[in-house]
C-alpha atoms as a PDB file:
ATOM      1  CA  MET A   1      37.935  60.696 -24.029  1.00  0.00           C
ATOM      2  CA  THR A   2      37.025  58.934 -20.793  1.00  0.00           C
ATOM      3  CA  ALA A   3      39.379  59.551 -17.919  1.00  0.00           C
ATOM      4  CA  GLY A   4      42.271  57.083 -17.980  1.00  0.00           C
ATOM      5  CA  ILE A   5      41.046  55.232 -21.082  1.00  0.00           C
ATOM      6  CA  LYS A   6      42.856  55.860 -24.373  1.00  0.00           C
ATOM      7  CA  PRO A   7      40.778  55.348 -27.531  1.00  0.00           C
ATOM      8  CA  ARG A   8      41.787  52.502 -29.809  1.00  0.00           C
ATOM      9  CA  ARG A   9      41.735  53.007 -33.557  1.00  0.00           C
ATOM     10  CA  GLN A  10      39.508  50.942 -35.876  1.00  0.00           C
ATOM     11  CA  GLN A  11      37.833  48.856 -33.222  1.00  0.00           C
ATOM     12  CA  ILE A  12      34.407  47.284 -33.480  1.00  0.00           C
ATOM     13  CA  PHE A  13      32.420  47.253 -30.260  1.00  0.00           C
ATOM     14  CA  LEU A  14      29.464  45.039 -29.405  1.00  0.00           C
ATOM     15  CA  ALA A  15      26.797  46.902 -27.408  1.00  0.00           C
ATOM     16  CA  THR A  16      24.060  45.133 -25.430  1.00  0.00           C
ATOM     17  CA  ILE A  17      21.005  46.752 -23.887  1.00  0.00           C
ATOM     18  CA  THR A  18      19.443  44.939 -20.949  1.00  0.00           C
ATOM     19  CA  ASP A  19      16.391  45.650 -18.852  1.00  0.00           C
ATOM     20  CA  GLY A  20      16.424  46.057 -15.069  1.00  0.00           C
ATOM     21  CA  SER A  21      16.365  42.306 -14.499  1.00  0.00           C
ATOM     22  CA  GLY A  22      19.314  41.679 -16.840  1.00  0.00           C
ATOM     23  CA  HIS A  23      17.382  40.251 -19.800  1.00  0.00           C
ATOM     24  CA  VAL A  24      18.889  41.217 -23.146  1.00  0.00           C
ATOM     25  CA  ILE A  25      16.617  43.621 -25.041  1.00  0.00           C
ATOM     26  CA  CYS A  26      18.814  44.189 -28.089  1.00  0.00           C
ATOM     27  CA  SER A  27      22.443  44.106 -29.142  1.00  0.00           C
ATOM     28  CA  PHE A  28      24.306  45.614 -32.041  1.00  0.00           C
ATOM     29  CA  ARG A  29      27.779  46.317 -33.419  1.00  0.00           C
ATOM     30  CA  LEU A  30      29.359  49.752 -33.218  1.00  0.00           C
ATOM     31  CA  GLY A  31      32.096  50.529 -35.695  1.00  0.00           C
ATOM     32  CA  ASP A  32      34.290  53.609 -35.806  1.00  0.00           C
ATOM     33  CA  ASN A  33      32.248  56.799 -36.049  1.00  0.00           C
ATOM     34  CA  ASP A  34      28.940  54.907 -35.983  1.00  0.00           C
ATOM     35  CA  ARG A  35      26.073  56.909 -34.585  1.00  0.00           C
ATOM     36  CA  LEU A  36      22.907  55.211 -33.430  1.00  0.00           C
ATOM     37  CA  LEU A  37      19.471  56.457 -32.486  1.00  0.00           C
ATOM     38  CA  LEU A  38      17.939  54.365 -29.681  1.00  0.00           C
ATOM     39  CA  ALA A  39      14.229  54.503 -28.986  1.00  0.00           C
ATOM     40  CA  ASN A  40      12.016  52.906 -26.314  1.00  0.00           C
ATOM     41  CA  SER A  41       8.345  52.632 -27.113  1.00  0.00           C
ATOM     42  CA  ASP A  42       6.185  50.612 -24.691  1.00  0.00           C
ATOM     43  CA  GLY A  43       9.166  48.478 -23.678  1.00  0.00           C
ATOM     44  CA  GLU A  44      10.292  47.759 -27.233  1.00  0.00           C
ATOM     45  CA  VAL A  45      13.825  49.078 -27.830  1.00  0.00           C
ATOM     46  CA  THR A  46      14.910  49.808 -31.375  1.00  0.00           C
ATOM     47  CA  ALA A  47      18.232  50.996 -32.732  1.00  0.00           C
ATOM     48  CA  ARG A  48      19.053  52.406 -36.144  1.00  0.00           C
ATOM     49  CA  LYS A  49      22.190  53.906 -37.591  1.00  0.00           C
ATOM     50  CA  ILE A  50      22.229  57.626 -38.215  1.00  0.00           C
ATOM     51  CA  LYS A  51      23.782  58.632 -41.516  1.00  0.00           C
ATOM     52  CA  ASN A  52      26.746  61.043 -41.509  1.00  0.00           C
ATOM     53  CA  ASP A  53      24.688  63.793 -43.186  1.00  0.00           C
ATOM     54  CA  GLU A  54      21.648  63.235 -40.929  1.00  0.00           C
ATOM     55  CA  HIS A  55      21.054  65.597 -38.010  1.00  0.00           C
ATOM     56  CA  VAL A  56      19.134  64.614 -34.906  1.00  0.00           C
ATOM     57  CA  TRP A  57      17.580  67.188 -32.625  1.00  0.00           C
ATOM     58  CA  SER A  58      16.342  66.710 -29.107  1.00  0.00           C
ATOM     59  CA  ARG A  59      14.260  69.031 -26.969  1.00  0.00           C
ATOM     60  CA  ALA A  60      17.405  69.936 -25.011  1.00  0.00           C
ATOM     61  CA  SER A  61      19.437  70.797 -28.109  1.00  0.00           C
ATOM     62  CA  LEU A  62      16.607  72.852 -29.619  1.00  0.00           C
ATOM     63  CA  ARG A  63      16.194  74.701 -26.342  1.00  0.00           C
ATOM     64  CA  GLU A  64      19.903  75.511 -26.344  1.00  0.00           C
ATOM     65  CA  VAL A  65      19.730  76.848 -29.928  1.00  0.00           C
ATOM     66  CA  PHE A  66      16.735  79.038 -29.057  1.00  0.00           C
ATOM     67  CA  ARG A  67      18.485  80.300 -25.928  1.00  0.00           C
ATOM     68  CA  GLU A  68      21.556  81.217 -27.980  1.00  0.00           C
ATOM     69  CA  MET A  69      19.423  82.962 -30.627  1.00  0.00           C
ATOM     70  CA  THR A  70      17.449  85.012 -28.129  1.00  0.00           C
ATOM     71  CA  SER A  71      20.505  86.042 -26.081  1.00  0.00           C
ATOM     72  CA  LYS A  72      22.053  87.705 -29.137  1.00  0.00           C
ATOM     73  CA  ASN A  73      18.948  89.791 -30.003  1.00  0.00           C
END
């Protein structure tokens, strides 16, 4: 929860991504429990929904897992 802001149940949010000059790059709807993967490739921004059973790993999360595994050995 963000400080001072209480979550509202069953809301749909509209998200808009803009570049540094304020031009709209993409926009999409976010429903409850929606998870999105955003990517920027050569200035083209894409967004896709991540399924509930889909797992996404980043370098930082993999590094944390490896750190946890090596600290216990």
